[in-house]
Amino acid sequence: MANKRDLKKDINYVLGDIIEAVYVWELANAQKPTKESEAIIDEAIATFDELIARVNDRSVEDKQAHFKAINNDLESKGKDLIEKINKLK
């Protein structure tokens, strides 16, 4: 089981890398931010806020299962955001 500190770091690194990938895409395509790329960044920030709030929830009885569920959600939402980045035109 990952501890709370490591889980927070994972959330920060994964979603930070996704936002950075959007900025790199914008620079590589010599375009200003598009509505699609801004939507991906907004979704990444909302996901970050949601996951951090869930990590900080102290009313959970089974912490191991709770953190594992958060980690699984991070993985699935991260993959979805990466797919959206790959579909940018």
PDB file of N, CA and C in Angstrom:
ATOM      1  N   MET A   1       0.830  -1.175   0.000  1.00  0.00           N
ATOM      2  CA  MET A   1       0.000   0.000   0.000  1.00  0.00           C
ATOM      3  C   MET A   1       0.880   1.246   0.000  1.00  0.00           C
ATOM      4  N   ALA A   2       0.530   2.163  -0.839  1.00  0.00           N
ATOM      5  CA  ALA A   2       1.249   3.431  -0.863  1.00  0.00           C
ATOM      6  C   ALA A   2       0.794   4.278   0.317  1.00  0.00           C
ATOM      7  N   ASN A   3       1.739   5.021   0.863  1.00  0.00           N
ATOM      8  CA  ASN A   3       1.308   5.903   1.941  1.00  0.00           C
ATOM      9  C   ASN A   3       0.755   7.200   1.351  1.00  0.00           C
ATOM     10  N   LYS A   4       0.186   7.995   2.207  1.00  0.00           N
ATOM     11  CA  LYS A   4      -0.505   9.208   1.766  1.00  0.00           C
ATOM     12  C   LYS A   4       0.442  10.161   1.033  1.00  0.00           C
ATOM     13  N   ARG A   5       1.640  10.314   1.553  1.00  0.00           N
ATOM     14  CA  ARG A   5       2.608  11.234   0.947  1.00  0.00           C
ATOM     15  C   ARG A   5       2.975  10.784  -0.468  1.00  0.00           C
ATOM     16  N   ASP A   6       3.245   9.489  -0.647  1.00  0.00           N
ATOM     17  CA  ASP A   6       3.608   8.991  -1.966  1.00  0.00           C
ATOM     18  C   ASP A   6       2.445   9.093  -2.951  1.00  0.00           C
ATOM     19  N   LEU A   7       1.245   8.851  -2.470  1.00  0.00           N
ATOM     20  CA  LEU A   7       0.075   8.961  -3.334  1.00  0.00           C
ATOM     21  C   LEU A   7      -0.125  10.401  -3.794  1.00  0.00           C
ATOM     22  N   LYS A   8       0.070  11.357  -2.887  1.00  0.00           N
ATOM     23  CA  LYS A   8      -0.041  12.767  -3.270  1.00  0.00           C
ATOM     24  C   LYS A   8       1.023  13.134  -4.303  1.00  0.00           C
ATOM     25  N   LYS A   9       2.231  12.624  -4.134  1.00  0.00           N
ATOM     26  CA  LYS A   9       3.299  12.887  -5.100  1.00  0.00           C
ATOM     27  C   LYS A   9       2.956  12.298  -6.453  1.00  0.00           C
ATOM     28  N   ASP A  10       2.435  11.072  -6.466  1.00  0.00           N
ATOM     29  CA  ASP A  10       2.045  10.441  -7.726  1.00  0.00           C
ATOM     30  C   ASP A  10       0.981  11.255  -8.450  1.00  0.00           C
ATOM     31  N   ILE A  11      -0.011  11.713  -7.711  1.00  0.00           N
ATOM     32  CA  ILE A  11      -1.073  12.523  -8.311  1.00  0.00           C
ATOM     33  C   ILE A  11      -0.479  13.793  -8.905  1.00  0.00           C
ATOM     34  N   ASN A  12       0.390  14.444  -8.165  1.00  0.00           N
ATOM     35  CA  ASN A  12       1.009  15.684  -8.625  1.00  0.00           C
ATOM     36  C   ASN A  12       1.857  15.449  -9.872  1.00  0.00           C
ATOM     37  N   TYR A  13       2.680  14.408  -9.856  1.00  0.00           N
ATOM     38  CA  TYR A  13       3.566  14.148 -10.990  1.00  0.00           C
ATOM     39  C   TYR A  13       2.794  13.752 -12.244  1.00  0.00           C
ATOM     40  N   VAL A  14       1.837  12.855 -12.105  1.00  0.00           N
ATOM     41  CA  VAL A  14       1.094  12.376 -13.269  1.00  0.00           C
ATOM     42  C   VAL A  14       0.315  13.512 -13.924  1.00  0.00           C
ATOM     43  N   LEU A  15      -0.451  14.219 -13.139  1.00  0.00           N
ATOM     44  CA  LEU A  15      -1.270  15.285 -13.716  1.00  0.00           C
ATOM     45  C   LEU A  15      -0.421  16.481 -14.138  1.00  0.00           C
ATOM     46  N   GLY A  16       0.673  16.739 -13.445  1.00  0.00           N
ATOM     47  CA  GLY A  16       1.596  17.791 -13.879  1.00  0.00           C
ATOM     48  C   GLY A  16       2.238  17.465 -15.208  1.00  0.00           C
ATOM     49  N   ASP A  17       2.605  16.204 -15.407  1.00  0.00           N
ATOM     50  CA  ASP A  17       3.179  15.785 -16.687  1.00  0.00           C
ATOM     51  C   ASP A  17       2.161  15.879 -17.817  1.00  0.00           C
ATOM     52  N   ILE A  18       0.916  15.594 -17.524  1.00  0.00           N
ATOM     53  CA  ILE A  18      -0.130  15.696 -18.546  1.00  0.00           C
ATOM     54  C   ILE A  18      -0.316  17.152 -18.959  1.00  0.00           C
ATOM     55  N   ILE A  19      -0.345  18.052 -17.997  1.00  0.00           N
ATOM     56  CA  ILE A  19      -0.478  19.479 -18.320  1.00  0.00           C
ATOM     57  C   ILE A  19       0.740  19.948 -19.118  1.00  0.00           C
ATOM     58  N   GLU A  20       1.917  19.503 -18.721  1.00  0.00           N
ATOM     59  CA  GLU A  20       3.128  19.864 -19.456  1.00  0.00           C
ATOM     60  C   GLU A  20       3.078  19.341 -20.892  1.00  0.00           C
ATOM     61  N   ALA A  21       2.541  18.149 -21.095  1.00  0.00           N
ATOM     62  CA  ALA A  21       2.430  17.577 -22.437  1.00  0.00           C
ATOM     63  C   ALA A  21       1.513  18.424 -23.312  1.00  0.00           C
ATOM     64  N   VAL A  22       0.466  18.979 -22.730  1.00  0.00           N
ATOM     65  CA  VAL A  22      -0.426  19.859 -23.494  1.00  0.00           C
ATOM     66  C   VAL A  22       0.325  21.126 -23.906  1.00  0.00           C
ATOM     67  N   TYR A  23       1.100  21.692 -22.990  1.00  0.00           N
ATOM     68  CA  TYR A  23       1.881  22.889 -23.329  1.00  0.00           C
ATOM     69  C   TYR A  23       2.907  22.589 -24.414  1.00  0.00           C
ATOM     70  N   VAL A  24       3.537  21.441 -24.357  1.00  0.00           N
ATOM     71  CA  VAL A  24       4.503  21.048 -25.388  1.00  0.00           C
ATOM     72  C   VAL A  24       3.801  20.903 -26.731  1.00  0.00           C
ATOM     73  N   TRP A  25       2.610  20.318 -26.729  1.00  0.00           N
ATOM     74  CA  TRP A  25       1.848  20.181 -27.970  1.00  0.00           C
ATOM     75  C   TRP A  25       1.534  21.554 -28.553  1.00  0.00           C
ATOM     76  N   GLU A  26       1.137  22.487 -27.693  1.00  0.00           N
ATOM     77  CA  GLU A  26       0.824  23.832 -28.166  1.00  0.00           C
ATOM     78  C   GLU A  26       2.050  24.500 -28.771  1.00  0.00           C
ATOM     79  N   LEU A  27       3.207  24.339 -28.150  1.00  0.00           N
ATOM     80  CA  LEU A  27       4.430  24.936 -28.686  1.00  0.00           C
ATOM     81  C   LEU A  27       4.855  24.263 -29.990  1.00  0.00           C
ATOM     82  N   ALA A  28       4.727  22.962 -30.058  1.00  0.00           N
ATOM     83  CA  ALA A  28       5.145  22.225 -31.254  1.00  0.00           C
ATOM     84  C   ALA A  28       4.274  22.555 -32.449  1.00  0.00           C
ATOM     85  N   ASN A  29       3.047  22.910 -32.208  1.00  0.00           N
ATOM     86  CA  ASN A  29       2.132  23.211 -33.304  1.00  0.00           C
ATOM     87  C   ASN A  29       2.032  24.706 -33.582  1.00  0.00           C
ATOM     88  N   ALA A  30       2.851  25.489 -32.893  1.00  0.00           N
ATOM     89  CA  ALA A  30       2.923  26.942 -33.098  1.00  0.00           C
ATOM     90  C   ALA A  30       1.535  27.576 -33.100  1.00  0.00           C
ATOM     91  N   GLN A  31       0.730  27.120 -32.181  1.00  0.00           N
ATOM     92  CA  GLN A  31      -0.620  27.660 -32.083  1.00  0.00           C
ATOM     93  C   GLN A  31      -0.825  28.257 -30.700  1.00  0.00           C
ATOM     94  N   LYS A  32      -1.774  29.126 -30.634  1.00  0.00           N
ATOM     95  CA  LYS A  32      -2.218  29.590 -29.327  1.00  0.00           C
ATOM     96  C   LYS A  32      -3.041  28.466 -28.712  1.00  0.00           C
ATOM     97  N   PRO A  33      -3.261  28.519 -27.428  1.00  0.00           N
ATOM     98  CA  PRO A  33      -4.077  27.469 -26.815  1.00  0.00           C
ATOM     99  C   PRO A  33      -5.442  27.355 -27.496  1.00  0.00           C
ATOM    100  N   THR A  34      -5.837  26.150 -27.776  1.00  0.00           N
ATOM    101  CA  THR A  34      -7.136  25.915 -28.389  1.00  0.00           C
ATOM    102  C   THR A  34      -8.144  25.585 -27.300  1.00  0.00           C
ATOM    103  N   LYS A  35      -9.399  25.576 -27.671  1.00  0.00           N
ATOM    104  CA  LYS A  35     -10.428  25.226 -26.699  1.00  0.00           C
ATOM    105  C   LYS A  35     -10.241  23.799 -26.217  1.00  0.00           C
ATOM    106  N   GLU A  36      -9.814  22.902 -27.113  1.00  0.00           N
ATOM    107  CA  GLU A  36      -9.628  21.502 -26.742  1.00  0.00           C
ATOM    108  C   GLU A  36      -8.467  21.348 -25.756  1.00  0.00           C
ATOM    109  N   SER A  37      -7.358  22.034 -26.020  1.00  0.00           N
ATOM    110  CA  SER A  37      -6.210  21.902 -25.120  1.00  0.00           C
ATOM    111  C   SER A  37      -6.499  22.550 -23.761  1.00  0.00           C
ATOM    112  N   GLU A  38      -7.203  23.671 -23.765  1.00  0.00           N
ATOM    113  CA  GLU A  38      -7.575  24.298 -22.504  1.00  0.00           C
ATOM    114  C   GLU A  38      -8.526  23.406 -21.708  1.00  0.00           C
ATOM    115  N   ALA A  39      -9.407  22.696 -22.410  1.00  0.00           N
ATOM    116  CA  ALA A  39     -10.345  21.792 -21.736  1.00  0.00           C
ATOM    117  C   ALA A  39      -9.595  20.636 -21.073  1.00  0.00           C
ATOM    118  N   ILE A  40      -8.545  20.146 -21.720  1.00  0.00           N
ATOM    119  CA  ILE A  40      -7.749  19.064 -21.138  1.00  0.00           C
ATOM    120  C   ILE A  40      -7.047  19.553 -19.875  1.00  0.00           C
ATOM    121  N   ILE A  41      -6.485  20.750 -19.922  1.00  0.00           N
ATOM    122  CA  ILE A  41      -5.817  21.313 -18.745  1.00  0.00           C
ATOM    123  C   ILE A  41      -6.817  21.514 -17.612  1.00  0.00           C
ATOM    124  N   ASP A  42      -7.991  22.042 -17.939  1.00  0.00           N
ATOM    125  CA  ASP A  42      -9.021  22.247 -16.912  1.00  0.00           C
ATOM    126  C   ASP A  42      -9.456  20.921 -16.294  1.00  0.00           C
ATOM    127  N   GLU A  43      -9.593  19.890 -17.125  1.00  0.00           N
ATOM    128  CA  GLU A  43      -9.987  18.578 -16.622  1.00  0.00           C
ATOM    129  C   GLU A  43      -8.896  17.984 -15.727  1.00  0.00           C
ATOM    130  N   ALA A  44      -7.640  18.189 -16.096  1.00  0.00           N
ATOM    131  CA  ALA A  44      -6.535  17.692 -15.283  1.00  0.00           C
ATOM    132  C   ALA A  44      -6.517  18.384 -13.918  1.00  0.00           C
ATOM    133  N   ILE A  45      -6.758  19.671 -13.900  1.00  0.00           N
ATOM    134  CA  ILE A  45      -6.790  20.417 -12.637  1.00  0.00           C
ATOM    135  C   ILE A  45      -7.968  19.969 -11.778  1.00  0.00           C
ATOM    136  N   ALA A  46      -9.120  19.767 -12.388  1.00  0.00           N
ATOM    137  CA  ALA A  46     -10.288  19.299 -11.640  1.00  0.00           C
ATOM    138  C   ALA A  46     -10.049  17.899 -11.071  1.00  0.00           C
ATOM    139  N   THR A  47      -9.405  17.046 -11.864  1.00  0.00           N
ATOM    140  CA  THR A  47      -9.075  15.701 -11.398  1.00  0.00           C
ATOM    141  C   THR A  47      -8.112  15.769 -10.224  1.00  0.00           C
ATOM    142  N   PHE A  48      -7.111  16.640 -10.320  1.00  0.00           N
ATOM    143  CA  PHE A  48      -6.162  16.827  -9.228  1.00  0.00           C
ATOM    144  C   PHE A  48      -6.892  17.219  -7.947  1.00  0.00           C
ATOM    145  N   ASP A  49      -7.749  18.219  -8.047  1.00  0.00           N
ATOM    146  CA  ASP A  49      -8.482  18.698  -6.869  1.00  0.00           C
ATOM    147  C   ASP A  49      -9.330  17.593  -6.260  1.00  0.00           C
ATOM    148  N   GLU A  50     -10.009  16.828  -7.118  1.00  0.00           N
ATOM    149  CA  GLU A  50     -10.873  15.761  -6.634  1.00  0.00           C
ATOM    150  C   GLU A  50     -10.067  14.670  -5.923  1.00  0.00           C
ATOM    151  N   LEU A  51      -8.960  14.245  -6.534  1.00  0.00           N
ATOM    152  CA  LEU A  51      -8.178  13.158  -5.955  1.00  0.00           C
ATOM    153  C   LEU A  51      -7.493  13.575  -4.655  1.00  0.00           C
ATOM    154  N   ILE A  52      -6.981  14.786  -4.604  1.00  0.00           N
ATOM    155  CA  ILE A  52      -6.342  15.267  -3.372  1.00  0.00           C
ATOM    156  C   ILE A  52      -7.377  15.369  -2.250  1.00  0.00           C
ATOM    157  N   ALA A  53      -8.575  15.814  -2.569  1.00  0.00           N
ATOM    158  CA  ALA A  53      -9.625  15.884  -1.553  1.00  0.00           C
ATOM    159  C   ALA A  53      -9.960  14.493  -1.027  1.00  0.00           C
ATOM    160  N   ARG A  54      -9.975  13.506  -1.917  1.00  0.00           N
ATOM    161  CA  ARG A  54     -10.252  12.130  -1.486  1.00  0.00           C
ATOM    162  C   ARG A  54      -9.109  11.574  -0.637  1.00  0.00           C
ATOM    163  N   VAL A  55      -7.867  11.921  -0.981  1.00  0.00           N
ATOM    164  CA  VAL A  55      -6.727  11.456  -0.180  1.00  0.00           C
ATOM    165  C   VAL A  55      -6.801  12.037   1.226  1.00  0.00           C
ATOM    166  N   ASN A  56      -7.205  13.282   1.344  1.00  0.00           N
ATOM    167  CA  ASN A  56      -7.246  13.967   2.638  1.00  0.00           C
ATOM    168  C   ASN A  56      -8.476  13.636   3.474  1.00  0.00           C
ATOM    169  N   ASP A  57      -9.384  12.832   2.934  1.00  0.00           N
ATOM    170  CA  ASP A  57     -10.589  12.453   3.669  1.00  0.00           C
ATOM    171  C   ASP A  57     -10.212  11.536   4.826  1.00  0.00           C
ATOM    172  N   ARG A  58     -10.444  11.993   6.038  1.00  0.00           N
ATOM    173  CA  ARG A  58     -10.048  11.238   7.233  1.00  0.00           C
ATOM    174  C   ARG A  58     -11.167  10.340   7.768  1.00  0.00           C
ATOM    175  N   SER A  59     -12.325  10.381   7.165  1.00  0.00           N
ATOM    176  CA  SER A  59     -13.451   9.604   7.684  1.00  0.00           C
ATOM    177  C   SER A  59     -13.526   8.201   7.087  1.00  0.00           C
ATOM    178  N   VAL A  60     -12.466   7.767   6.421  1.00  0.00           N
ATOM    179  CA  VAL A  60     -12.444   6.466   5.775  1.00  0.00           C
ATOM    180  C   VAL A  60     -12.030   5.403   6.784  1.00  0.00           C
ATOM    181  N   GLU A  61     -12.736   4.273   6.765  1.00  0.00           N
ATOM    182  CA  GLU A  61     -12.407   3.206   7.703  1.00  0.00           C
ATOM    183  C   GLU A  61     -11.287   2.315   7.172  1.00  0.00           C
ATOM    184  N   ASP A  62     -11.397   1.870   5.921  1.00  0.00           N
ATOM    185  CA  ASP A  62     -10.394   0.981   5.334  1.00  0.00           C
ATOM    186  C   ASP A  62      -9.475   1.814   4.437  1.00  0.00           C
ATOM    187  N   LYS A  63      -8.401   2.328   5.019  1.00  0.00           N
ATOM    188  CA  LYS A  63      -7.511   3.233   4.282  1.00  0.00           C
ATOM    189  C   LYS A  63      -6.817   2.539   3.115  1.00  0.00           C
ATOM    190  N   GLN A  64      -6.450   1.292   3.286  1.00  0.00           N
ATOM    191  CA  GLN A  64      -5.747   0.573   2.227  1.00  0.00           C
ATOM    192  C   GLN A  64      -6.617   0.465   0.983  1.00  0.00           C
ATOM    193  N   ALA A  65      -7.855   0.071   1.133  1.00  0.00           N
ATOM    194  CA  ALA A  65      -8.772  -0.039  -0.006  1.00  0.00           C
ATOM    195  C   ALA A  65      -9.067   1.339  -0.586  1.00  0.00           C
ATOM    196  N   HIS A  66      -9.189   2.325   0.277  1.00  0.00           N
ATOM    197  CA  HIS A  66      -9.476   3.691  -0.171  1.00  0.00           C
ATOM    198  C   HIS A  66      -8.332   4.230  -1.036  1.00  0.00           C
ATOM    199  N   PHE A  67      -7.093   4.081  -0.575  1.00  0.00           N
ATOM    200  CA  PHE A  67      -5.947   4.562  -1.341  1.00  0.00           C
ATOM    201  C   PHE A  67      -5.767   3.772  -2.635  1.00  0.00           C
ATOM    202  N   LYS A  68      -6.070   2.494  -2.610  1.00  0.00           N
ATOM    203  CA  LYS A  68      -5.962   1.684  -3.823  1.00  0.00           C
ATOM    204  C   LYS A  68      -6.985   2.146  -4.858  1.00  0.00           C
ATOM    205  N   ALA A  69      -8.186   2.474  -4.411  1.00  0.00           N
ATOM    206  CA  ALA A  69      -9.218   2.979  -5.323  1.00  0.00           C
ATOM    207  C   ALA A  69      -8.795   4.324  -5.921  1.00  0.00           C
ATOM    208  N   ILE A  70      -8.199   5.173  -5.112  1.00  0.00           N
ATOM    209  CA  ILE A  70      -7.726   6.472  -5.611  1.00  0.00           C
ATOM    210  C   ILE A  70      -6.631   6.255  -6.645  1.00  0.00           C
ATOM    211  N   ASN A  71      -5.713   5.345  -6.369  1.00  0.00           N
ATOM    212  CA  ASN A  71      -4.634   5.051  -7.304  1.00  0.00           C
ATOM    213  C   ASN A  71      -5.190   4.513  -8.630  1.00  0.00           C
ATOM    214  N   ASN A  72      -6.199   3.654  -8.559  1.00  0.00           N
ATOM    215  CA  ASN A  72      -6.820   3.128  -9.777  1.00  0.00           C
ATOM    216  C   ASN A  72      -7.518   4.232 -10.559  1.00  0.00           C
ATOM    217  N   ASP A  73      -8.189   5.141  -9.849  1.00  0.00           N
ATOM    218  CA  ASP A  73      -8.840   6.270 -10.518  1.00  0.00           C
ATOM    219  C   ASP A  73      -7.812   7.183 -11.180  1.00  0.00           C
ATOM    220  N   LEU A  74      -6.698   7.400 -10.508  1.00  0.00           N
ATOM    221  CA  LEU A  74      -5.627   8.217 -11.088  1.00  0.00           C
ATOM    222  C   LEU A  74      -5.132   7.587 -12.379  1.00  0.00           C
ATOM    223  N   GLU A  75      -4.938   6.299 -12.365  1.00  0.00           N
ATOM    224  CA  GLU A  75      -4.452   5.608 -13.557  1.00  0.00           C
ATOM    225  C   GLU A  75      -5.455   5.701 -14.705  1.00  0.00           C
ATOM    226  N   SER A  76      -6.724   5.452 -14.429  1.00  0.00           N
ATOM    227  CA  SER A  76      -7.723   5.474 -15.497  1.00  0.00           C
ATOM    228  C   SER A  76      -7.945   6.890 -16.032  1.00  0.00           C
ATOM    229  N   LYS A  77      -8.020   7.875 -15.149  1.00  0.00           N
ATOM    230  CA  LYS A  77      -8.230   9.249 -15.602  1.00  0.00           C
ATOM    231  C   LYS A  77      -6.998   9.777 -16.320  1.00  0.00           C
ATOM    232  N   GLY A  78      -5.815   9.365 -15.874  1.00  0.00           N
ATOM    233  CA  GLY A  78      -4.585   9.756 -16.563  1.00  0.00           C
ATOM    234  C   GLY A  78      -4.548   9.208 -17.978  1.00  0.00           C
ATOM    235  N   LYS A  79      -4.937   7.955 -18.144  1.00  0.00           N
ATOM    236  CA  LYS A  79      -4.975   7.362 -19.482  1.00  0.00           C
ATOM    237  C   LYS A  79      -5.977   8.077 -20.377  1.00  0.00           C
ATOM    238  N   ASP A  80      -7.134   8.427 -19.826  1.00  0.00           N
ATOM    239  CA  ASP A  80      -8.138   9.148 -20.605  1.00  0.00           C
ATOM    240  C   ASP A  80      -7.603  10.501 -21.077  1.00  0.00           C
ATOM    241  N   LEU A  81      -6.926  11.215 -20.183  1.00  0.00           N
ATOM    242  CA  LEU A  81      -6.375  12.523 -20.559  1.00  0.00           C
ATOM    243  C   LEU A  81      -5.274  12.380 -21.607  1.00  0.00           C
ATOM    244  N   ILE A  82      -4.457  11.355 -21.483  1.00  0.00           N
ATOM    245  CA  ILE A  82      -3.396  11.132 -22.481  1.00  0.00           C
ATOM    246  C   ILE A  82      -4.000  10.819 -23.838  1.00  0.00           C
ATOM    247  N   GLU A  83      -5.073  10.032 -23.868  1.00  0.00           N
ATOM    248  CA  GLU A  83      -5.749   9.752 -25.134  1.00  0.00           C
ATOM    249  C   GLU A  83      -6.285  11.030 -25.750  1.00  0.00           C
ATOM    250  N   LYS A  84      -6.821  11.929 -24.926  1.00  0.00           N
ATOM    251  CA  LYS A  84      -7.324  13.203 -25.439  1.00  0.00           C
ATOM    252  C   LYS A  84      -6.187  14.045 -26.010  1.00  0.00           C
ATOM    253  N   ILE A  85      -5.029  14.016 -25.371  1.00  0.00           N
ATOM    254  CA  ILE A  85      -3.879  14.755 -25.901  1.00  0.00           C
ATOM    255  C   ILE A  85      -3.466  14.190 -27.248  1.00  0.00           C
ATOM    256  N   ASN A  86      -3.456  12.879 -27.362  1.00  0.00           N
ATOM    257  CA  ASN A  86      -3.069  12.239 -28.616  1.00  0.00           C
ATOM    258  C   ASN A  86      -4.050  12.533 -29.741  1.00  0.00           C
ATOM    259  N   LYS A  87      -5.291  12.865 -29.428  1.00  0.00           N
ATOM    260  CA  LYS A  87      -6.293  13.169 -30.447  1.00  0.00           C
ATOM    261  C   LYS A  87      -6.307  14.635 -30.856  1.00  0.00           C
ATOM    262  N   LEU A  88      -5.525  15.472 -30.203  1.00  0.00           N
ATOM    263  CA  LEU A  88      -5.488  16.898 -30.572  1.00  0.00           C
ATOM    264  C   LEU A  88      -4.992  17.052 -31.998  1.00  0.00           C
ATOM    265  N   LYS A  89      -5.583  18.000 -32.710  1.00  0.00           N
ATOM    266  CA  LYS A  89      -5.188  18.228 -34.098  1.00  0.00           C
ATOM    267  C   LYS A  89      -4.496  19.549 -34.246  1.00  0.00           C
TER     268      LYS A  89
END
